[in-house]
N, C-alpha and C. Protein backbone atom coordinates (compact mmCIF):
# COMPACT_ATOMS: atom_id res chain seq x y z
N MET A 1 34.35 59.71 -52.84
CA MET A 1 32.98 59.38 -53.18
C MET A 1 32.22 59.03 -51.90
N ASP A 2 31.04 59.57 -51.73
CA ASP A 2 30.20 59.30 -50.57
C ASP A 2 29.42 58.02 -50.82
N SER A 3 29.61 57.03 -49.95
CA SER A 3 28.90 55.76 -50.12
C SER A 3 27.76 55.61 -49.14
N THR A 4 27.36 56.71 -48.49
CA THR A 4 26.24 56.68 -47.55
C THR A 4 24.97 56.32 -48.30
N PRO A 5 24.26 55.28 -47.83
CA PRO A 5 23.03 54.92 -48.51
C PRO A 5 21.96 56.00 -48.33
N THR A 6 21.20 56.25 -49.35
CA THR A 6 20.11 57.21 -49.24
C THR A 6 18.79 56.45 -49.27
N THR A 7 17.85 56.95 -48.52
CA THR A 7 16.53 56.34 -48.47
C THR A 7 15.66 56.98 -49.52
N ALA A 8 15.01 56.15 -50.30
CA ALA A 8 14.11 56.64 -51.34
C ALA A 8 12.69 56.70 -50.79
N TRP A 9 12.03 57.82 -51.03
CA TRP A 9 10.67 58.05 -50.55
C TRP A 9 9.77 58.43 -51.72
N ARG A 10 8.50 58.14 -51.56
CA ARG A 10 7.50 58.64 -52.52
C ARG A 10 6.48 59.45 -51.75
N LEU A 11 6.00 60.51 -52.37
CA LEU A 11 5.01 61.38 -51.74
C LEU A 11 3.66 60.66 -51.66
N VAL A 12 3.06 60.69 -50.47
CA VAL A 12 1.75 60.09 -50.26
C VAL A 12 0.68 61.18 -50.23
N SER A 13 0.93 62.24 -49.43
CA SER A 13 -0.05 63.31 -49.31
C SER A 13 0.61 64.59 -48.81
N HIS A 14 0.01 65.72 -49.16
CA HIS A 14 0.52 67.04 -48.82
C HIS A 14 -0.47 67.71 -47.86
N HIS A 15 0.05 68.36 -46.79
CA HIS A 15 -0.82 68.93 -45.76
C HIS A 15 -0.38 70.32 -45.33
N GLY A 16 -0.08 71.19 -46.25
CA GLY A 16 0.28 72.57 -45.92
C GLY A 16 1.68 72.70 -45.35
N PHE A 17 1.84 72.42 -44.05
CA PHE A 17 3.14 72.58 -43.39
C PHE A 17 3.97 71.30 -43.44
N ALA A 18 3.37 70.19 -43.89
CA ALA A 18 4.08 68.91 -43.89
C ALA A 18 3.53 68.00 -44.96
N GLU A 19 4.28 66.93 -45.24
CA GLU A 19 3.79 65.93 -46.17
C GLU A 19 4.14 64.53 -45.68
N VAL A 20 3.24 63.63 -45.98
CA VAL A 20 3.45 62.22 -45.66
C VAL A 20 4.19 61.61 -46.83
N LYS A 21 5.29 60.90 -46.49
CA LYS A 21 6.06 60.19 -47.50
C LYS A 21 6.15 58.73 -47.09
N GLN A 22 6.28 57.87 -48.09
CA GLN A 22 6.41 56.44 -47.84
C GLN A 22 7.78 55.97 -48.28
N GLN A 23 8.46 55.26 -47.39
CA GLN A 23 9.76 54.70 -47.72
C GLN A 23 9.54 53.57 -48.72
N ILE A 24 10.19 53.66 -49.86
CA ILE A 24 9.96 52.71 -50.95
C ILE A 24 10.39 51.30 -50.55
N THR A 25 11.49 51.16 -49.81
CA THR A 25 12.01 49.82 -49.49
C THR A 25 11.14 49.03 -48.52
N ASN A 26 10.49 49.71 -47.54
CA ASN A 26 9.72 48.95 -46.55
C ASN A 26 8.26 49.37 -46.41
N GLY A 27 7.84 50.40 -47.15
CA GLY A 27 6.45 50.83 -47.12
C GLY A 27 6.05 51.64 -45.90
N GLN A 28 7.01 51.99 -45.04
CA GLN A 28 6.69 52.76 -43.83
C GLN A 28 6.44 54.21 -44.18
N ASN A 29 5.37 54.77 -43.62
CA ASN A 29 5.05 56.18 -43.81
C ASN A 29 5.68 57.03 -42.71
N ALA A 30 5.97 58.28 -43.05
CA ALA A 30 6.54 59.23 -42.09
C ALA A 30 6.07 60.63 -42.47
N LEU A 31 6.07 61.54 -41.50
CA LEU A 31 5.67 62.92 -41.73
C LEU A 31 6.91 63.81 -41.74
N PHE A 32 7.05 64.60 -42.80
CA PHE A 32 8.19 65.49 -42.98
C PHE A 32 7.71 66.94 -43.03
N THR A 33 8.43 67.82 -42.36
CA THR A 33 8.05 69.22 -42.33
C THR A 33 8.48 69.94 -43.61
N LEU A 34 7.69 70.90 -44.02
CA LEU A 34 7.99 71.69 -45.21
C LEU A 34 8.55 73.06 -44.86
N ARG A 35 8.76 73.29 -43.55
CA ARG A 35 9.35 74.55 -43.09
C ARG A 35 10.12 74.29 -41.81
N GLY A 36 10.92 75.25 -41.41
CA GLY A 36 11.67 75.12 -40.18
C GLY A 36 10.84 75.55 -38.98
N TRP A 37 11.23 75.06 -37.79
CA TRP A 37 10.53 75.36 -36.54
C TRP A 37 11.56 75.63 -35.45
N GLN A 38 11.19 76.49 -34.53
CA GLN A 38 12.03 76.80 -33.37
C GLN A 38 11.47 76.09 -32.14
N PRO A 39 12.32 75.80 -31.15
CA PRO A 39 11.84 75.15 -29.93
C PRO A 39 10.67 75.92 -29.30
N GLY A 40 9.63 75.20 -28.94
CA GLY A 40 8.47 75.80 -28.30
C GLY A 40 7.39 76.25 -29.28
N GLU A 41 7.70 76.31 -30.57
CA GLU A 41 6.70 76.72 -31.55
C GLU A 41 5.62 75.65 -31.68
N VAL A 42 4.37 76.10 -31.80
CA VAL A 42 3.26 75.20 -32.04
C VAL A 42 3.23 74.88 -33.53
N ILE A 43 3.39 73.62 -33.85
CA ILE A 43 3.39 73.18 -35.24
C ILE A 43 1.96 72.99 -35.73
N ALA A 44 1.12 72.41 -34.88
CA ALA A 44 -0.27 72.16 -35.27
C ALA A 44 -1.13 71.96 -34.03
N ASP A 45 -2.38 72.35 -34.15
CA ASP A 45 -3.38 71.99 -33.16
C ASP A 45 -3.95 70.65 -33.59
N PHE A 46 -4.41 69.86 -32.62
CA PHE A 46 -5.05 68.60 -32.97
C PHE A 46 -6.23 68.37 -32.04
N SER A 47 -7.03 67.41 -32.39
CA SER A 47 -8.19 67.05 -31.58
C SER A 47 -8.33 65.54 -31.57
N ALA A 48 -9.32 65.09 -30.80
CA ALA A 48 -9.59 63.65 -30.72
C ALA A 48 -10.55 63.27 -31.83
N GLY A 49 -10.08 62.43 -32.74
CA GLY A 49 -10.96 61.92 -33.79
C GLY A 49 -11.95 60.94 -33.20
N SER A 50 -11.46 60.09 -32.31
CA SER A 50 -12.31 59.17 -31.57
C SER A 50 -11.66 58.96 -30.21
N ILE A 51 -12.47 58.51 -29.25
CA ILE A 51 -12.00 58.25 -27.90
C ILE A 51 -12.35 56.80 -27.57
N SER A 52 -11.37 56.09 -27.02
CA SER A 52 -11.55 54.67 -26.71
C SER A 52 -11.02 54.37 -25.32
N SER A 53 -11.57 53.34 -24.70
CA SER A 53 -11.04 52.90 -23.41
C SER A 53 -9.86 51.96 -23.60
N GLU A 54 -9.67 51.45 -24.79
CA GLU A 54 -8.58 50.53 -25.10
C GLU A 54 -7.57 51.17 -26.04
N PRO A 55 -6.27 50.99 -25.77
CA PRO A 55 -5.26 51.54 -26.68
C PRO A 55 -5.11 50.71 -27.94
N THR A 56 -4.64 51.34 -28.99
CA THR A 56 -4.19 50.64 -30.19
C THR A 56 -2.85 51.26 -30.57
N TYR A 57 -2.23 50.73 -31.60
CA TYR A 57 -0.95 51.29 -32.01
C TYR A 57 -1.11 52.67 -32.64
N LEU A 58 -2.33 53.09 -32.92
CA LEU A 58 -2.58 54.40 -33.52
C LEU A 58 -3.10 55.44 -32.54
N THR A 59 -3.33 55.06 -31.29
CA THR A 59 -3.90 56.01 -30.33
C THR A 59 -2.83 56.67 -29.47
N VAL A 60 -3.23 57.77 -28.85
CA VAL A 60 -2.40 58.50 -27.89
C VAL A 60 -3.17 58.50 -26.58
N GLN A 61 -2.49 58.13 -25.48
CA GLN A 61 -3.14 58.04 -24.19
C GLN A 61 -3.28 59.42 -23.56
N VAL A 62 -4.50 59.73 -23.11
CA VAL A 62 -4.76 61.03 -22.46
C VAL A 62 -5.33 60.87 -21.05
N GLY A 63 -5.57 59.64 -20.62
CA GLY A 63 -6.10 59.37 -19.29
C GLY A 63 -5.97 57.90 -18.97
N GLU A 64 -6.38 57.53 -17.74
CA GLU A 64 -6.24 56.15 -17.26
C GLU A 64 -6.78 55.14 -18.28
N ASP A 65 -7.99 55.30 -18.70
CA ASP A 65 -8.60 54.43 -19.70
C ASP A 65 -9.14 55.27 -20.85
N LYS A 66 -8.34 56.22 -21.30
CA LYS A 66 -8.78 57.15 -22.34
C LYS A 66 -7.66 57.32 -23.38
N HIS A 67 -7.97 56.89 -24.58
CA HIS A 67 -7.02 56.91 -25.69
C HIS A 67 -7.71 57.56 -26.89
N ILE A 68 -6.99 58.45 -27.56
CA ILE A 68 -7.59 59.17 -28.69
C ILE A 68 -6.87 58.86 -29.99
N THR A 69 -7.62 58.93 -31.08
CA THR A 69 -7.00 58.97 -32.39
C THR A 69 -6.83 60.43 -32.73
N LEU A 70 -5.78 60.74 -33.45
CA LEU A 70 -5.45 62.13 -33.74
C LEU A 70 -6.19 62.66 -34.97
N GLN A 71 -6.64 63.90 -34.85
CA GLN A 71 -7.20 64.65 -35.97
C GLN A 71 -6.44 65.97 -36.03
N PRO A 72 -5.84 66.36 -37.10
CA PRO A 72 -5.92 65.71 -38.40
C PRO A 72 -5.19 64.36 -38.41
N GLU A 73 -5.76 63.45 -39.16
CA GLU A 73 -5.32 62.06 -39.20
C GLU A 73 -3.87 61.89 -39.63
N PHE A 74 -3.35 62.78 -40.47
CA PHE A 74 -1.98 62.61 -40.96
C PHE A 74 -0.94 62.70 -39.84
N LEU A 75 -1.31 63.24 -38.67
CA LEU A 75 -0.38 63.30 -37.55
C LEU A 75 -0.01 61.91 -37.03
N GLN A 76 -0.82 60.90 -37.37
CA GLN A 76 -0.51 59.54 -36.94
C GLN A 76 0.77 59.01 -37.59
N TYR A 77 1.27 59.70 -38.60
CA TYR A 77 2.49 59.25 -39.27
C TYR A 77 3.76 59.83 -38.65
N ILE A 78 3.63 60.47 -37.50
CA ILE A 78 4.81 60.92 -36.77
C ILE A 78 5.35 59.71 -36.02
N ASN A 79 6.53 59.27 -36.42
CA ASN A 79 7.12 58.05 -35.88
C ASN A 79 7.89 58.31 -34.59
N HIS A 80 8.34 57.24 -33.97
CA HIS A 80 9.10 57.28 -32.72
C HIS A 80 10.57 57.58 -32.97
N SER A 81 11.17 58.28 -32.01
CA SER A 81 12.62 58.43 -31.95
C SER A 81 13.01 58.57 -30.48
N CYS A 82 14.17 58.05 -30.13
CA CYS A 82 14.71 58.24 -28.78
C CYS A 82 15.32 59.63 -28.64
N GLU A 83 15.42 60.38 -29.74
CA GLU A 83 15.80 61.79 -29.73
C GLU A 83 14.72 62.56 -30.49
N PRO A 84 13.56 62.74 -29.86
CA PRO A 84 12.43 63.36 -30.55
C PRO A 84 12.64 64.83 -30.85
N ASN A 85 11.95 65.31 -31.89
CA ASN A 85 11.99 66.74 -32.20
C ASN A 85 10.62 67.39 -32.00
N VAL A 86 9.58 66.60 -31.72
CA VAL A 86 8.26 67.14 -31.44
C VAL A 86 7.65 66.43 -30.23
N PHE A 87 6.60 67.06 -29.69
CA PHE A 87 5.91 66.57 -28.49
C PHE A 87 4.42 66.80 -28.66
N PHE A 88 3.62 65.79 -28.34
CA PHE A 88 2.16 65.94 -28.34
C PHE A 88 1.73 66.42 -26.96
N ASP A 89 1.39 67.70 -26.85
CA ASP A 89 0.87 68.27 -25.61
C ASP A 89 -0.62 67.96 -25.58
N THR A 90 -1.00 66.91 -24.85
CA THR A 90 -2.39 66.47 -24.85
C THR A 90 -3.28 67.28 -23.92
N THR A 91 -2.70 68.19 -23.13
CA THR A 91 -3.50 69.10 -22.32
C THR A 91 -3.97 70.27 -23.19
N ARG A 92 -3.05 70.84 -23.96
CA ARG A 92 -3.38 71.97 -24.85
C ARG A 92 -3.80 71.50 -26.25
N MET A 93 -3.64 70.20 -26.51
CA MET A 93 -3.96 69.61 -27.81
C MET A 93 -3.17 70.31 -28.92
N GLN A 94 -1.85 70.34 -28.71
CA GLN A 94 -0.95 70.98 -29.67
C GLN A 94 0.28 70.10 -29.90
N LEU A 95 0.73 70.09 -31.13
CA LEU A 95 2.01 69.48 -31.48
C LEU A 95 3.05 70.58 -31.40
N VAL A 96 4.08 70.38 -30.57
CA VAL A 96 5.05 71.43 -30.25
C VAL A 96 6.46 70.98 -30.64
N ALA A 97 7.25 71.92 -31.19
CA ALA A 97 8.65 71.64 -31.51
C ALA A 97 9.46 71.60 -30.22
N LEU A 98 10.25 70.55 -30.04
CA LEU A 98 11.11 70.42 -28.86
C LEU A 98 12.47 71.04 -29.07
N LYS A 99 12.89 71.11 -30.31
CA LYS A 99 14.21 71.64 -30.66
C LYS A 99 14.10 72.28 -32.03
N GLU A 100 15.15 72.90 -32.48
CA GLU A 100 15.14 73.48 -33.82
C GLU A 100 14.98 72.36 -34.84
N ILE A 101 14.06 72.56 -35.77
CA ILE A 101 13.78 71.56 -36.79
C ILE A 101 13.98 72.21 -38.15
N SER A 102 14.79 71.61 -38.97
CA SER A 102 15.08 72.14 -40.30
C SER A 102 14.03 71.71 -41.30
N THR A 103 13.83 72.54 -42.32
CA THR A 103 12.94 72.20 -43.43
C THR A 103 13.34 70.85 -44.00
N GLY A 104 12.37 70.01 -44.25
CA GLY A 104 12.62 68.70 -44.83
C GLY A 104 12.88 67.59 -43.83
N SER A 105 12.93 67.92 -42.53
CA SER A 105 13.20 66.92 -41.50
C SER A 105 11.97 66.06 -41.23
N GLU A 106 12.23 64.82 -40.87
CA GLU A 106 11.16 63.96 -40.40
C GLU A 106 10.77 64.39 -39.00
N LEU A 107 9.48 64.48 -38.73
CA LEU A 107 8.98 64.78 -37.40
C LEU A 107 8.90 63.46 -36.63
N ALA A 108 9.41 63.46 -35.39
CA ALA A 108 9.44 62.25 -34.59
C ALA A 108 9.19 62.59 -33.13
N PHE A 109 8.44 61.73 -32.43
CA PHE A 109 8.20 61.94 -31.01
C PHE A 109 8.58 60.69 -30.22
N PHE A 110 8.72 60.85 -28.94
CA PHE A 110 9.09 59.76 -28.03
C PHE A 110 7.80 59.10 -27.57
N TYR A 111 7.51 57.89 -28.07
CA TYR A 111 6.24 57.24 -27.78
C TYR A 111 5.90 57.17 -26.29
N PRO A 112 6.85 56.80 -25.42
CA PRO A 112 6.49 56.75 -23.99
C PRO A 112 6.13 58.12 -23.38
N SER A 113 6.36 59.20 -24.11
CA SER A 113 5.96 60.51 -23.58
C SER A 113 4.45 60.62 -23.44
N SER A 114 3.72 59.75 -24.15
CA SER A 114 2.26 59.79 -24.08
C SER A 114 1.63 58.42 -23.85
N GLU A 115 2.44 57.42 -23.52
CA GLU A 115 1.91 56.07 -23.32
C GLU A 115 2.50 55.46 -22.05
N TRP A 116 1.65 55.04 -21.12
CA TRP A 116 2.12 54.44 -19.89
C TRP A 116 2.57 52.99 -20.14
N GLU A 117 1.69 52.16 -20.65
CA GLU A 117 2.04 50.79 -21.03
C GLU A 117 1.52 50.56 -22.44
N MET A 118 2.43 50.44 -23.38
CA MET A 118 2.03 50.35 -24.78
C MET A 118 1.40 48.99 -25.09
N THR A 119 0.41 49.03 -25.94
CA THR A 119 -0.28 47.80 -26.33
C THR A 119 0.62 46.93 -27.21
N GLN A 120 1.52 47.55 -27.96
CA GLN A 120 2.46 46.81 -28.79
C GLN A 120 3.87 47.38 -28.59
N SER A 121 4.67 46.68 -27.79
CA SER A 121 6.05 47.13 -27.63
C SER A 121 6.80 46.83 -28.93
N PHE A 122 7.96 47.46 -29.08
CA PHE A 122 8.74 47.23 -30.30
C PHE A 122 10.20 47.52 -30.03
N GLN A 123 11.04 47.01 -30.87
CA GLN A 123 12.47 47.27 -30.80
C GLN A 123 12.75 48.52 -31.61
N CYS A 124 13.36 49.51 -30.97
CA CYS A 124 13.69 50.77 -31.65
C CYS A 124 15.02 50.61 -32.38
N TYR A 125 15.06 51.13 -33.59
CA TYR A 125 16.28 51.14 -34.39
C TYR A 125 16.59 52.55 -34.87
N CYS A 126 16.30 53.54 -34.00
CA CYS A 126 16.49 54.93 -34.41
C CYS A 126 17.96 55.26 -34.67
N GLY A 127 18.86 54.49 -34.08
CA GLY A 127 20.29 54.69 -34.31
C GLY A 127 20.89 55.86 -33.55
N LYS A 128 20.13 56.48 -32.68
CA LYS A 128 20.63 57.61 -31.88
C LYS A 128 21.53 57.08 -30.77
N ALA A 129 22.47 57.89 -30.31
CA ALA A 129 23.42 57.48 -29.28
C ALA A 129 22.72 56.98 -28.01
N GLY A 130 21.62 57.61 -27.63
CA GLY A 130 20.90 57.23 -26.42
C GLY A 130 19.72 56.31 -26.67
N CYS A 131 19.73 55.57 -27.77
CA CYS A 131 18.60 54.69 -28.10
C CYS A 131 18.32 53.74 -26.94
N LEU A 132 17.05 53.63 -26.58
CA LEU A 132 16.65 52.80 -25.45
C LEU A 132 16.42 51.34 -25.80
N GLY A 133 16.42 51.00 -27.08
CA GLY A 133 16.18 49.61 -27.48
C GLY A 133 14.71 49.29 -27.47
N GLU A 134 14.27 48.44 -26.53
CA GLU A 134 12.86 48.06 -26.49
C GLU A 134 12.02 49.22 -25.94
N ILE A 135 10.96 49.56 -26.66
CA ILE A 135 10.05 50.63 -26.27
C ILE A 135 8.75 49.98 -25.81
N ARG A 136 8.43 50.17 -24.51
CA ARG A 136 7.25 49.53 -23.92
C ARG A 136 6.29 50.51 -23.27
N GLY A 137 6.74 51.74 -23.06
CA GLY A 137 5.91 52.74 -22.39
C GLY A 137 6.66 53.34 -21.21
N ALA A 138 6.14 54.45 -20.70
CA ALA A 138 6.80 55.19 -19.63
C ALA A 138 6.92 54.37 -18.34
N ALA A 139 6.01 53.44 -18.10
CA ALA A 139 6.05 52.63 -16.88
C ALA A 139 7.34 51.83 -16.76
N PHE A 140 8.01 51.59 -17.87
CA PHE A 140 9.18 50.72 -17.89
C PHE A 140 10.50 51.48 -18.03
N LEU A 141 10.45 52.80 -18.00
CA LEU A 141 11.67 53.60 -18.16
C LEU A 141 12.48 53.66 -16.88
N SER A 142 13.79 53.71 -17.04
CA SER A 142 14.66 53.90 -15.88
C SER A 142 14.53 55.34 -15.39
N ASN A 143 14.93 55.57 -14.15
CA ASN A 143 14.90 56.94 -13.61
C ASN A 143 15.76 57.86 -14.46
N GLU A 144 16.89 57.37 -14.95
CA GLU A 144 17.77 58.18 -15.79
C GLU A 144 17.07 58.56 -17.09
N ALA A 145 16.39 57.61 -17.69
CA ALA A 145 15.68 57.89 -18.95
C ALA A 145 14.57 58.92 -18.73
N VAL A 146 13.87 58.82 -17.62
CA VAL A 146 12.78 59.75 -17.32
C VAL A 146 13.28 61.19 -17.31
N THR A 147 14.49 61.41 -16.84
CA THR A 147 15.01 62.78 -16.76
C THR A 147 15.34 63.38 -18.13
N ARG A 148 15.42 62.56 -19.17
CA ARG A 148 15.82 63.04 -20.50
C ARG A 148 14.66 63.50 -21.38
N TYR A 149 13.43 63.23 -20.97
CA TYR A 149 12.29 63.46 -21.86
C TYR A 149 11.22 64.35 -21.25
N ARG A 150 10.40 64.91 -22.13
CA ARG A 150 9.21 65.64 -21.72
C ARG A 150 8.04 64.67 -21.84
N PHE A 151 7.13 64.71 -20.87
CA PHE A 151 5.99 63.82 -20.83
C PHE A 151 4.69 64.61 -20.74
N THR A 152 3.62 63.99 -21.23
CA THR A 152 2.31 64.62 -21.12
C THR A 152 1.95 64.75 -19.64
N ASP A 153 0.99 65.60 -19.34
CA ASP A 153 0.56 65.78 -17.95
C ASP A 153 0.08 64.46 -17.36
N PHE A 154 -0.65 63.67 -18.14
CA PHE A 154 -1.13 62.39 -17.63
C PHE A 154 0.04 61.47 -17.29
N ILE A 155 1.01 61.35 -18.16
CA ILE A 155 2.16 60.47 -17.91
C ILE A 155 2.99 61.01 -16.74
N GLN A 156 3.11 62.32 -16.62
CA GLN A 156 3.81 62.89 -15.46
C GLN A 156 3.12 62.47 -14.16
N SER A 157 1.79 62.47 -14.15
CA SER A 157 1.08 62.07 -12.93
C SER A 157 1.31 60.58 -12.64
N CYS A 158 1.39 59.76 -13.66
CA CYS A 158 1.67 58.33 -13.47
C CYS A 158 3.08 58.14 -12.93
N LEU A 159 4.04 58.88 -13.46
CA LEU A 159 5.42 58.79 -12.99
C LEU A 159 5.52 59.23 -11.53
N ALA A 160 4.78 60.26 -11.15
CA ALA A 160 4.79 60.75 -9.77
C ALA A 160 4.20 59.68 -8.83
N LYS A 161 3.12 59.02 -9.24
CA LYS A 161 2.52 57.96 -8.43
C LYS A 161 3.50 56.79 -8.26
N LYS A 162 4.20 56.47 -9.33
CA LYS A 162 5.19 55.39 -9.29
C LYS A 162 6.31 55.74 -8.32
N ALA A 163 6.77 56.98 -8.37
CA ALA A 163 7.85 57.43 -7.46
C ALA A 163 7.37 57.43 -6.02
N ASP A 164 6.12 57.82 -5.77
CA ASP A 164 5.56 57.83 -4.42
C ASP A 164 5.50 56.41 -3.85
N LYS A 165 5.16 55.43 -4.69
CA LYS A 165 5.07 54.03 -4.25
C LYS A 165 6.45 53.51 -3.84
N LYS A 166 7.49 53.97 -4.56
CA LYS A 166 8.85 53.52 -4.24
C LYS A 166 9.30 54.07 -2.89
N VAL A 167 8.84 55.28 -2.57
CA VAL A 167 9.22 55.94 -1.31
C VAL A 167 8.48 55.31 -0.13
N ALA A 168 7.24 54.94 -0.35
CA ALA A 168 6.39 54.42 0.73
C ALA A 168 6.78 53.02 1.17
């Protein structure tokens, strides 16, 4: 007999290629794909719903003092994972598959891939072998961790500046 606990979800909203579901036990929302994706495939185009100079837990950083809310809005339900399967390409404004994604999978991205210093750090409980624990933003990642992830163009430029300062 399999005693693995199963998570119960309720459907919140349907969006063509994906649906938002809410975990019944804790009320957390997540975005699940309704089809499979191959690495490099564009899952969705997105745009800036609003632009702010200050980050919030719902924004994605696209510049030094430039943070956007995502449109379509349901993309905000893509949660963090230390083993992400999607990436927000903020230069092309596209959500891209990082690896093969099966139908029914939760879409997850690596928060520091688009955030230099997060406004609200948190303890990650993704349970993946390489889980980083506290998630604070790309500014706080080890050199080893940096080599494991894809970063937005803006975060790559910040990482390069940080590396240049260490050399100087």
